[in-house]
Amino acid sequence: MSGAPYNTTDNPNPNGKHPGGRPRLYNSVDELSKLIDAYFETCDKGETVDVYDKKEETVKTVTRRIPYTITGLGLALGMSRTDIINYQNRDEFFHTIKTAKEKCENYAELRLMSGDMQAAGPIFALKNYGWADKQDLDIKTGGEKINPAPDETLRRLAFMLREGTETGKVEE
C-alpha cells in the first residue's frame, strides 16, 4: 500500500514513510512557546467561582488565581507530564520546557514560603521537582569510608561499659 509520504520535511526516513511512533504535536519552538505563555496568562487571569461566606451567610463571586502546575501545563498543551519531559529531552525545546517547569516550581516554592496555606501541598509538589526534606550524609575520613572497628576494640568497649572501667584492660 503506497500513499503520500508522511512528512517529507521532518521525516528522517529516506523512503518517505512514517518513521514509527506518534507524530510530534509541535514542530517549532515558537508554536510551543505561544501556547505555554497562553497557559500562564490564563492562570494569572484566574477563574471566577462562587464562595459561600459563613459570617454573612451569602454567596460571593470571586476571582481566584489558578496555580501553575506541570499537569495543568500538559493539559493546556494537549500532552501528558511524560510528553513534556520527552519534549524537554529534545535540544530545540529544552530551554522552553525547562523555563516553563521552573516557573511552576517557583510557584510551588512561593506558596510554601507565603505561609497562607498548609505546607504539605507545596512540599509534595516540590518533591516532584527533586527537592528533599532529608539529608543524605556520606561520612568519610580523608576521602575513605570509615571501616568498622576490629573485634578486639569492640570487645574492650563492651567490657568498659559493663565494668565501668576507663582502661579497657580485660583481666582474664
N, C-alpha and C. Protein backbone atom coordinates (compact mmCIF):
# COMPACT_ATOMS: atom_id res chain seq x y z
N MET A 1 0.85 -1.18 0.00
CA MET A 1 0.00 0.00 0.00
C MET A 1 0.88 1.23 0.00
N SER A 2 0.85 1.98 -1.04
CA SER A 2 1.66 3.20 -1.07
C SER A 2 0.73 4.40 -1.06
N GLY A 3 1.24 5.47 -0.58
CA GLY A 3 0.45 6.68 -0.49
C GLY A 3 1.38 7.86 -0.38
N ALA A 4 0.82 9.00 -0.05
CA ALA A 4 1.64 10.19 0.11
C ALA A 4 2.57 10.01 1.30
N PRO A 5 3.79 10.53 1.19
CA PRO A 5 4.71 10.41 2.31
C PRO A 5 4.16 11.10 3.55
N TYR A 6 4.58 10.59 4.70
CA TYR A 6 4.08 11.13 5.97
C TYR A 6 4.38 12.61 6.11
N ASN A 7 5.64 12.97 6.08
CA ASN A 7 6.06 14.36 6.18
C ASN A 7 7.48 14.42 5.66
N THR A 8 7.64 14.92 4.49
CA THR A 8 8.95 14.88 3.85
C THR A 8 9.93 15.88 4.44
N THR A 9 9.45 16.93 5.08
CA THR A 9 10.36 17.93 5.62
C THR A 9 10.89 17.55 6.99
N ASP A 10 10.15 16.75 7.76
CA ASP A 10 10.57 16.41 9.12
C ASP A 10 10.68 14.90 9.29
N ASN A 11 10.94 14.19 8.21
CA ASN A 11 10.97 12.75 8.26
C ASN A 11 12.38 12.26 7.92
N PRO A 12 13.06 11.67 8.92
CA PRO A 12 14.42 11.19 8.65
C PRO A 12 14.44 9.90 7.84
N ASN A 13 13.30 9.27 7.65
CA ASN A 13 13.22 8.01 6.93
C ASN A 13 13.32 8.30 5.42
N PRO A 14 14.34 7.76 4.74
CA PRO A 14 14.56 8.10 3.33
C PRO A 14 13.47 7.62 2.39
N ASN A 15 12.68 6.60 2.77
CA ASN A 15 11.65 6.13 1.85
C ASN A 15 10.35 6.93 1.97
N GLY A 16 10.34 7.94 2.83
CA GLY A 16 9.18 8.83 2.92
C GLY A 16 8.04 8.30 3.76
N LYS A 17 8.19 7.12 4.34
CA LYS A 17 7.13 6.56 5.16
C LYS A 17 7.26 7.04 6.59
N HIS A 18 6.18 6.92 7.32
CA HIS A 18 6.16 7.31 8.73
C HIS A 18 7.24 6.53 9.48
N PRO A 19 8.08 7.21 10.25
CA PRO A 19 9.19 6.53 10.93
C PRO A 19 8.75 5.68 12.12
N GLY A 20 7.50 5.68 12.47
CA GLY A 20 7.02 4.92 13.63
C GLY A 20 6.78 5.84 14.80
N GLY A 21 5.90 5.42 15.68
CA GLY A 21 5.58 6.26 16.82
C GLY A 21 4.60 7.34 16.46
N ARG A 22 4.16 8.04 17.47
CA ARG A 22 3.20 9.11 17.25
C ARG A 22 3.90 10.35 16.72
N PRO A 23 3.31 11.04 15.77
CA PRO A 23 3.92 12.27 15.26
C PRO A 23 3.99 13.33 16.37
N ARG A 24 4.97 14.20 16.30
CA ARG A 24 5.10 15.27 17.29
C ARG A 24 3.92 16.22 17.19
N LEU A 25 3.49 16.71 18.34
CA LEU A 25 2.42 17.70 18.35
C LEU A 25 2.92 19.06 17.90
N TYR A 26 4.17 19.37 18.25
CA TYR A 26 4.73 20.69 17.95
C TYR A 26 6.06 20.52 17.24
N ASN A 27 6.19 21.22 16.14
CA ASN A 27 7.43 21.14 15.38
C ASN A 27 8.29 22.38 15.51
N SER A 28 7.73 23.44 16.12
CA SER A 28 8.53 24.65 16.28
C SER A 28 8.47 25.15 17.71
N VAL A 29 9.59 25.75 18.14
CA VAL A 29 9.68 26.31 19.47
C VAL A 29 8.69 27.47 19.62
N ASP A 30 8.54 28.29 18.58
CA ASP A 30 7.62 29.43 18.64
C ASP A 30 6.19 28.99 18.91
N GLU A 31 5.75 27.95 18.21
CA GLU A 31 4.40 27.44 18.39
C GLU A 31 4.19 26.97 19.84
N LEU A 32 5.15 26.22 20.36
CA LEU A 32 5.06 25.72 21.73
C LEU A 32 5.14 26.86 22.74
N SER A 33 6.03 27.81 22.52
CA SER A 33 6.19 28.95 23.44
C SER A 33 4.91 29.77 23.55
N LYS A 34 4.23 29.99 22.43
CA LYS A 34 2.98 30.76 22.45
C LYS A 34 1.92 30.07 23.30
N LEU A 35 1.82 28.76 23.18
CA LEU A 35 0.84 28.02 23.97
C LEU A 35 1.21 27.98 25.45
N ILE A 36 2.48 27.88 25.74
CA ILE A 36 2.93 27.91 27.14
C ILE A 36 2.62 29.28 27.74
N ASP A 37 2.93 30.34 27.02
CA ASP A 37 2.62 31.70 27.51
C ASP A 37 1.12 31.87 27.73
N ALA A 38 0.32 31.34 26.82
CA ALA A 38 -1.14 31.44 26.96
C ALA A 38 -1.61 30.70 28.22
N TYR A 39 -0.99 29.56 28.54
CA TYR A 39 -1.35 28.82 29.77
C TYR A 39 -1.09 29.68 31.00
N PHE A 40 0.10 30.28 31.09
CA PHE A 40 0.42 31.10 32.26
C PHE A 40 -0.46 32.35 32.34
N GLU A 41 -0.80 32.94 31.21
CA GLU A 41 -1.71 34.10 31.20
C GLU A 41 -3.09 33.70 31.71
N THR A 42 -3.58 32.54 31.29
CA THR A 42 -4.88 32.04 31.77
C THR A 42 -4.84 31.83 33.27
N CYS A 43 -3.75 31.26 33.77
CA CYS A 43 -3.62 31.06 35.22
C CYS A 43 -3.63 32.39 35.96
N ASP A 44 -2.92 33.38 35.42
CA ASP A 44 -2.84 34.69 36.07
C ASP A 44 -4.19 35.41 36.08
N LYS A 45 -4.95 35.25 35.01
CA LYS A 45 -6.29 35.86 34.96
C LYS A 45 -7.20 35.24 36.00
N GLY A 46 -7.01 33.96 36.22
CA GLY A 46 -7.79 33.26 37.24
C GLY A 46 -9.12 32.76 36.71
N GLU A 47 -9.89 32.24 37.67
CA GLU A 47 -11.21 31.73 37.34
C GLU A 47 -12.22 32.32 38.31
N THR A 48 -13.41 32.50 37.85
CA THR A 48 -14.48 33.04 38.68
C THR A 48 -15.24 31.89 39.32
N VAL A 49 -15.36 31.96 40.66
CA VAL A 49 -16.05 30.92 41.40
C VAL A 49 -16.98 31.55 42.44
N ASP A 50 -18.01 30.83 42.80
CA ASP A 50 -18.90 31.27 43.86
C ASP A 50 -18.42 30.67 45.18
N VAL A 51 -18.30 31.54 46.20
CA VAL A 51 -17.82 31.12 47.51
C VAL A 51 -18.86 31.51 48.54
N TYR A 52 -19.16 30.58 49.43
CA TYR A 52 -20.14 30.83 50.49
C TYR A 52 -19.43 31.52 51.66
N ASP A 53 -19.96 32.67 52.08
CA ASP A 53 -19.43 33.41 53.22
C ASP A 53 -20.25 33.03 54.45
N LYS A 54 -19.63 32.30 55.39
CA LYS A 54 -20.35 31.80 56.56
C LYS A 54 -20.82 32.93 57.47
N LYS A 55 -20.00 33.96 57.63
CA LYS A 55 -20.37 35.07 58.52
C LYS A 55 -21.62 35.78 58.01
N GLU A 56 -21.59 36.13 56.75
CA GLU A 56 -22.71 36.89 56.18
C GLU A 56 -23.79 35.99 55.60
N GLU A 57 -23.55 34.70 55.57
CA GLU A 57 -24.49 33.73 55.01
C GLU A 57 -24.94 34.11 53.60
N THR A 58 -23.94 34.47 52.80
CA THR A 58 -24.22 34.84 51.42
C THR A 58 -23.21 34.15 50.49
N VAL A 59 -23.55 34.15 49.24
CA VAL A 59 -22.65 33.61 48.23
C VAL A 59 -22.02 34.79 47.50
N LYS A 60 -20.71 34.80 47.46
CA LYS A 60 -19.99 35.86 46.78
C LYS A 60 -19.25 35.27 45.58
N THR A 61 -19.20 36.03 44.52
CA THR A 61 -18.45 35.62 43.35
C THR A 61 -17.07 36.26 43.43
N VAL A 62 -16.04 35.41 43.38
CA VAL A 62 -14.67 35.91 43.47
C VAL A 62 -13.85 35.33 42.33
N THR A 63 -12.77 36.01 42.03
CA THR A 63 -11.82 35.51 41.04
C THR A 63 -10.60 35.03 41.80
N ARG A 64 -10.23 33.80 41.56
CA ARG A 64 -9.03 33.28 42.23
C ARG A 64 -8.03 32.83 41.17
N ARG A 65 -6.77 33.01 41.52
CA ARG A 65 -5.70 32.65 40.61
C ARG A 65 -5.62 31.12 40.48
N ILE A 66 -5.34 30.67 39.30
CA ILE A 66 -5.16 29.24 39.04
C ILE A 66 -3.67 28.93 39.25
N PRO A 67 -3.36 27.94 40.07
CA PRO A 67 -1.94 27.64 40.32
C PRO A 67 -1.24 27.09 39.08
N TYR A 68 0.05 27.41 38.98
CA TYR A 68 0.86 26.86 37.90
C TYR A 68 1.21 25.43 38.27
N THR A 69 0.89 24.50 37.41
CA THR A 69 1.26 23.10 37.63
C THR A 69 1.73 22.47 36.33
N ILE A 70 2.55 21.46 36.45
CA ILE A 70 3.02 20.73 35.27
C ILE A 70 1.84 20.01 34.62
N THR A 71 0.96 19.45 35.44
CA THR A 71 -0.21 18.76 34.89
C THR A 71 -1.10 19.74 34.14
N GLY A 72 -1.32 20.90 34.72
CA GLY A 72 -2.12 21.94 34.04
C GLY A 72 -1.48 22.37 32.74
N LEU A 73 -0.16 22.52 32.77
CA LEU A 73 0.57 22.88 31.55
C LEU A 73 0.39 21.79 30.49
N GLY A 74 0.51 20.55 30.92
CA GLY A 74 0.33 19.43 29.98
C GLY A 74 -1.05 19.42 29.37
N LEU A 75 -2.06 19.65 30.21
CA LEU A 75 -3.43 19.69 29.69
C LEU A 75 -3.60 20.82 28.68
N ALA A 76 -3.01 21.97 28.97
CA ALA A 76 -3.12 23.11 28.05
C ALA A 76 -2.42 22.82 26.72
N LEU A 77 -1.39 22.00 26.78
CA LEU A 77 -0.63 21.68 25.56
C LEU A 77 -1.14 20.41 24.87
N GLY A 78 -2.09 19.73 25.51
CA GLY A 78 -2.63 18.51 24.93
C GLY A 78 -1.69 17.33 25.06
N MET A 79 -0.90 17.33 26.14
CA MET A 79 0.05 16.25 26.34
C MET A 79 0.15 15.89 27.81
N SER A 80 0.81 14.79 28.10
CA SER A 80 0.98 14.33 29.48
C SER A 80 2.28 14.88 30.06
N ARG A 81 2.46 14.64 31.36
CA ARG A 81 3.72 15.02 32.02
C ARG A 81 4.90 14.34 31.33
N THR A 82 4.71 13.08 30.96
CA THR A 82 5.78 12.33 30.29
C THR A 82 6.12 12.96 28.94
N ASP A 83 5.10 13.38 28.21
CA ASP A 83 5.34 14.05 26.93
C ASP A 83 6.14 15.33 27.12
N ILE A 84 5.84 16.07 28.19
CA ILE A 84 6.58 17.30 28.47
C ILE A 84 8.06 16.98 28.68
N ILE A 85 8.34 15.92 29.44
CA ILE A 85 9.72 15.51 29.68
C ILE A 85 10.37 15.09 28.36
N ASN A 86 9.63 14.36 27.53
CA ASN A 86 10.18 13.95 26.24
C ASN A 86 10.52 15.15 25.36
N TYR A 87 9.68 16.18 25.39
CA TYR A 87 9.98 17.39 24.62
C TYR A 87 11.21 18.08 25.20
N GLN A 88 11.34 18.07 26.52
CA GLN A 88 12.49 18.71 27.15
C GLN A 88 13.78 18.01 26.74
N ASN A 89 13.72 16.73 26.44
CA ASN A 89 14.90 15.98 26.04
C ASN A 89 15.36 16.30 24.61
N ARG A 90 14.54 17.03 23.87
CA ARG A 90 14.93 17.45 22.52
C ARG A 90 15.66 18.79 22.63
N ASP A 91 16.81 18.88 22.03
CA ASP A 91 17.64 20.08 22.16
C ASP A 91 16.89 21.37 21.84
N GLU A 92 16.11 21.37 20.77
CA GLU A 92 15.45 22.61 20.34
C GLU A 92 14.37 23.07 21.32
N PHE A 93 13.79 22.15 22.10
CA PHE A 93 12.73 22.51 23.04
C PHE A 93 13.21 22.60 24.49
N PHE A 94 14.47 22.21 24.74
CA PHE A 94 14.97 22.11 26.11
C PHE A 94 14.74 23.38 26.92
N HIS A 95 15.24 24.51 26.42
CA HIS A 95 15.15 25.76 27.18
C HIS A 95 13.70 26.18 27.43
N THR A 96 12.86 26.04 26.44
CA THR A 96 11.46 26.45 26.55
C THR A 96 10.74 25.63 27.63
N ILE A 97 10.90 24.33 27.59
CA ILE A 97 10.24 23.46 28.58
C ILE A 97 10.85 23.65 29.95
N LYS A 98 12.17 23.76 30.03
CA LYS A 98 12.84 23.93 31.32
C LYS A 98 12.36 25.22 31.99
N THR A 99 12.25 26.29 31.25
CA THR A 99 11.78 27.57 31.79
C THR A 99 10.35 27.45 32.30
N ALA A 100 9.49 26.79 31.55
CA ALA A 100 8.10 26.61 31.97
C ALA A 100 8.02 25.78 33.25
N LYS A 101 8.81 24.71 33.32
CA LYS A 101 8.81 23.87 34.53
C LYS A 101 9.34 24.65 35.73
N GLU A 102 10.36 25.48 35.52
CA GLU A 102 10.90 26.28 36.62
C GLU A 102 9.88 27.31 37.10
N LYS A 103 9.06 27.81 36.21
CA LYS A 103 8.00 28.74 36.60
C LYS A 103 6.98 28.04 37.51
N CYS A 104 6.65 26.80 37.17
CA CYS A 104 5.74 26.00 38.01
C CYS A 104 6.40 25.70 39.36
N GLU A 105 7.67 25.36 39.34
CA GLU A 105 8.40 25.07 40.57
C GLU A 105 8.47 26.31 41.46
N ASN A 106 8.73 27.45 40.86
CA ASN A 106 8.79 28.71 41.61
C ASN A 106 7.45 29.02 42.27
N TYR A 107 6.37 28.75 41.56
CA TYR A 107 5.04 28.98 42.13
C TYR A 107 4.87 28.14 43.40
N ALA A 108 5.24 26.85 43.33
CA ALA A 108 5.11 25.98 44.50
C ALA A 108 5.98 26.47 45.65
N GLU A 109 7.18 26.91 45.33
CA GLU A 109 8.10 27.42 46.36
C GLU A 109 7.54 28.67 47.01
N LEU A 110 7.00 29.58 46.22
CA LEU A 110 6.41 30.80 46.78
C LEU A 110 5.22 30.48 47.67
N ARG A 111 4.40 29.53 47.26
CA ARG A 111 3.25 29.13 48.07
C ARG A 111 3.71 28.57 49.42
N LEU A 112 4.78 27.80 49.40
CA LEU A 112 5.32 27.24 50.63
C LEU A 112 5.80 28.35 51.56
N MET A 113 6.50 29.32 51.00
CA MET A 113 7.08 30.39 51.81
C MET A 113 6.06 31.43 52.26
N SER A 114 4.93 31.53 51.57
CA SER A 114 3.95 32.56 51.91
C SER A 114 3.26 32.29 53.24
N GLY A 115 3.15 31.02 53.60
CA GLY A 115 2.53 30.67 54.88
C GLY A 115 1.02 30.82 54.90
N ASP A 116 0.40 31.09 53.77
CA ASP A 116 -1.05 31.29 53.75
C ASP A 116 -1.83 30.00 53.47
N MET A 117 -1.13 28.89 53.50
CA MET A 117 -1.80 27.61 53.30
C MET A 117 -1.00 26.53 54.02
N GLN A 118 -1.58 25.36 54.14
CA GLN A 118 -0.85 24.25 54.75
C GLN A 118 0.35 23.91 53.88
N ALA A 119 1.43 23.58 54.52
CA ALA A 119 2.69 23.36 53.80
C ALA A 119 2.74 22.04 53.04
N ALA A 120 1.91 21.07 53.40
CA ALA A 120 2.02 19.73 52.82
C ALA A 120 1.89 19.74 51.30
N GLY A 121 0.95 20.51 50.76
CA GLY A 121 0.75 20.54 49.30
C GLY A 121 1.96 21.04 48.55
N PRO A 122 2.46 22.24 48.88
CA PRO A 122 3.66 22.72 48.18
C PRO A 122 4.88 21.83 48.41
N ILE A 123 5.02 21.26 49.61
CA ILE A 123 6.15 20.37 49.87
C ILE A 123 6.07 19.16 48.95
N PHE A 124 4.89 18.58 48.83
CA PHE A 124 4.71 17.43 47.94
C PHE A 124 5.06 17.82 46.50
N ALA A 125 4.58 18.98 46.06
CA ALA A 125 4.87 19.42 44.69
C ALA A 125 6.36 19.60 44.49
N LEU A 126 7.04 20.20 45.47
CA LEU A 126 8.47 20.43 45.33
C LEU A 126 9.26 19.12 45.32
N LYS A 127 8.77 18.10 46.01
CA LYS A 127 9.44 16.80 45.97
C LYS A 127 9.40 16.23 44.55
N ASN A 128 8.35 16.54 43.81
CA ASN A 128 8.27 16.09 42.41
C ASN A 128 9.28 16.81 41.52
N TYR A 129 9.83 17.93 42.02
CA TYR A 129 10.87 18.65 41.28
C TYR A 129 12.26 18.24 41.76
N GLY A 130 12.33 17.22 42.62
CA GLY A 130 13.62 16.74 43.08
C GLY A 130 14.05 17.26 44.44
N TRP A 131 13.23 18.09 45.07
CA TRP A 131 13.57 18.59 46.40
C TRP A 131 13.44 17.43 47.38
N ALA A 132 14.13 17.54 48.51
CA ALA A 132 14.05 16.51 49.54
C ALA A 132 14.04 17.18 50.91
N ASP A 133 13.34 16.58 51.86
CA ASP A 133 13.32 17.13 53.21
C ASP A 133 14.13 16.24 54.15
N LYS A 134 15.16 15.64 53.60
CA LYS A 134 16.06 14.82 54.39
C LYS A 134 17.48 15.12 53.94
N GLN A 135 18.43 14.73 54.77
CA GLN A 135 19.83 14.90 54.41
C GLN A 135 20.44 13.53 54.24
N ASP A 136 21.16 13.35 53.17
CA ASP A 136 21.92 12.13 52.95
C ASP A 136 23.37 12.45 53.28
N LEU A 137 23.84 11.91 54.39
CA LEU A 137 25.21 12.18 54.81
C LEU A 137 26.10 11.01 54.43
N ASP A 138 27.23 11.33 53.82
CA ASP A 138 28.22 10.34 53.47
C ASP A 138 29.44 10.63 54.32
N ILE A 139 29.58 9.91 55.41
CA ILE A 139 30.64 10.20 56.36
C ILE A 139 31.90 9.47 55.92
N LYS A 140 32.98 10.25 55.75
CA LYS A 140 34.26 9.70 55.31
C LYS A 140 35.37 10.37 56.11
N THR A 141 36.50 9.72 56.16
CA THR A 141 37.68 10.33 56.77
C THR A 141 38.77 10.33 55.74
N GLY A 142 39.26 11.50 55.39
CA GLY A 142 40.31 11.61 54.39
C GLY A 142 39.91 11.02 53.05
N GLY A 143 38.62 11.06 52.75
CA GLY A 143 38.14 10.54 51.48
C GLY A 143 37.88 9.05 51.49
N GLU A 144 38.22 8.38 52.60
CA GLU A 144 38.00 6.94 52.70
C GLU A 144 36.80 6.67 53.60
N LYS A 145 36.08 5.62 53.30
CA LYS A 145 34.97 5.23 54.15
C LYS A 145 35.48 4.75 55.49
N ILE A 146 34.70 5.01 56.51
CA ILE A 146 35.07 4.56 57.85
C ILE A 146 34.82 3.06 57.93
N ASN A 147 35.87 2.35 58.35
CA ASN A 147 35.76 0.90 58.50
C ASN A 147 35.25 0.57 59.90
N PRO A 148 34.52 -0.51 60.03
CA PRO A 148 34.07 -0.89 61.37
C PRO A 148 35.27 -1.26 62.24
N ALA A 149 35.10 -1.07 63.54
CA ALA A 149 36.18 -1.37 64.48
C ALA A 149 36.49 -2.86 64.49
N PRO A 150 37.75 -3.19 64.70
CA PRO A 150 38.11 -4.62 64.81
C PRO A 150 37.42 -5.26 66.01
N ASP A 151 37.29 -6.55 65.97
CA ASP A 151 36.62 -7.29 67.05
C ASP A 151 37.21 -7.01 68.42
N GLU A 152 38.55 -6.89 68.53
CA GLU A 152 39.20 -6.65 69.82
C GLU A 152 38.75 -5.31 70.40
N THR A 153 38.65 -4.28 69.57
CA THR A 153 38.22 -2.96 70.04
C THR A 153 36.78 -3.03 70.54
N LEU A 154 35.94 -3.72 69.82
CA LEU A 154 34.54 -3.86 70.24
C LEU A 154 34.43 -4.62 71.56
N ARG A 155 35.28 -5.65 71.72
CA ARG A 155 35.26 -6.43 72.96
C ARG A 155 35.68 -5.56 74.14
N ARG A 156 36.69 -4.70 73.95
CA ARG A 156 37.14 -3.81 75.03
C ARG A 156 36.06 -2.78 75.37
N LEU A 157 35.43 -2.22 74.34
CA LEU A 157 34.36 -1.24 74.60
C LEU A 157 33.21 -1.87 75.38
N ALA A 158 32.85 -3.06 75.01
CA ALA A 158 31.77 -3.76 75.72
C ALA A 158 32.15 -4.01 77.17
N PHE A 159 33.41 -4.39 77.42
CA PHE A 159 33.87 -4.63 78.79
C PHE A 159 33.84 -3.33 79.58
N MET A 160 34.33 -2.24 78.98
CA MET A 160 34.36 -0.95 79.67
C MET A 160 32.96 -0.51 80.07
N LEU A 161 32.02 -0.70 79.19
CA LEU A 161 30.64 -0.32 79.51
C LEU A 161 30.07 -1.20 80.61
N ARG A 162 30.37 -2.46 80.53
CA ARG A 162 29.85 -3.41 81.51
C ARG A 162 30.48 -3.20 82.88
N GLU A 163 31.82 -2.98 82.95
CA GLU A 163 32.54 -2.92 84.20
C GLU A 163 32.74 -1.49 84.71
N GLY A 164 32.47 -0.51 83.86
CA GLY A 164 32.64 0.89 84.28
C GLY A 164 34.10 1.27 84.43
N THR A 165 35.02 0.60 83.77
CA THR A 165 36.44 0.93 83.85
C THR A 165 36.82 1.87 82.70
N GLU A 166 37.89 2.63 82.92
CA GLU A 166 38.34 3.54 81.89
C GLU A 166 39.51 3.00 81.09
N THR A 167 40.18 1.99 81.63
CA THR A 167 41.38 1.49 80.95
C THR A 167 41.05 0.56 79.79
N GLY A 168 39.98 -0.16 79.92
CA GLY A 168 39.61 -1.09 78.87
C GLY A 168 40.40 -2.37 78.91
N LYS A 169 41.26 -2.52 79.96
CA LYS A 169 42.02 -3.76 80.07
C LYS A 169 41.11 -4.88 80.53
N VAL A 170 41.15 -5.91 79.80
CA VAL A 170 40.33 -7.06 80.12
C VAL A 170 41.18 -8.02 80.94
N GLU A 171 40.77 -8.22 82.16
CA GLU A 171 41.50 -9.14 83.02
C GLU A 171 40.89 -10.51 82.88
N GLU A 172 41.78 -11.45 82.60
CA GLU A 172 41.28 -12.81 82.38
C GLU A 172 41.68 -13.71 83.48
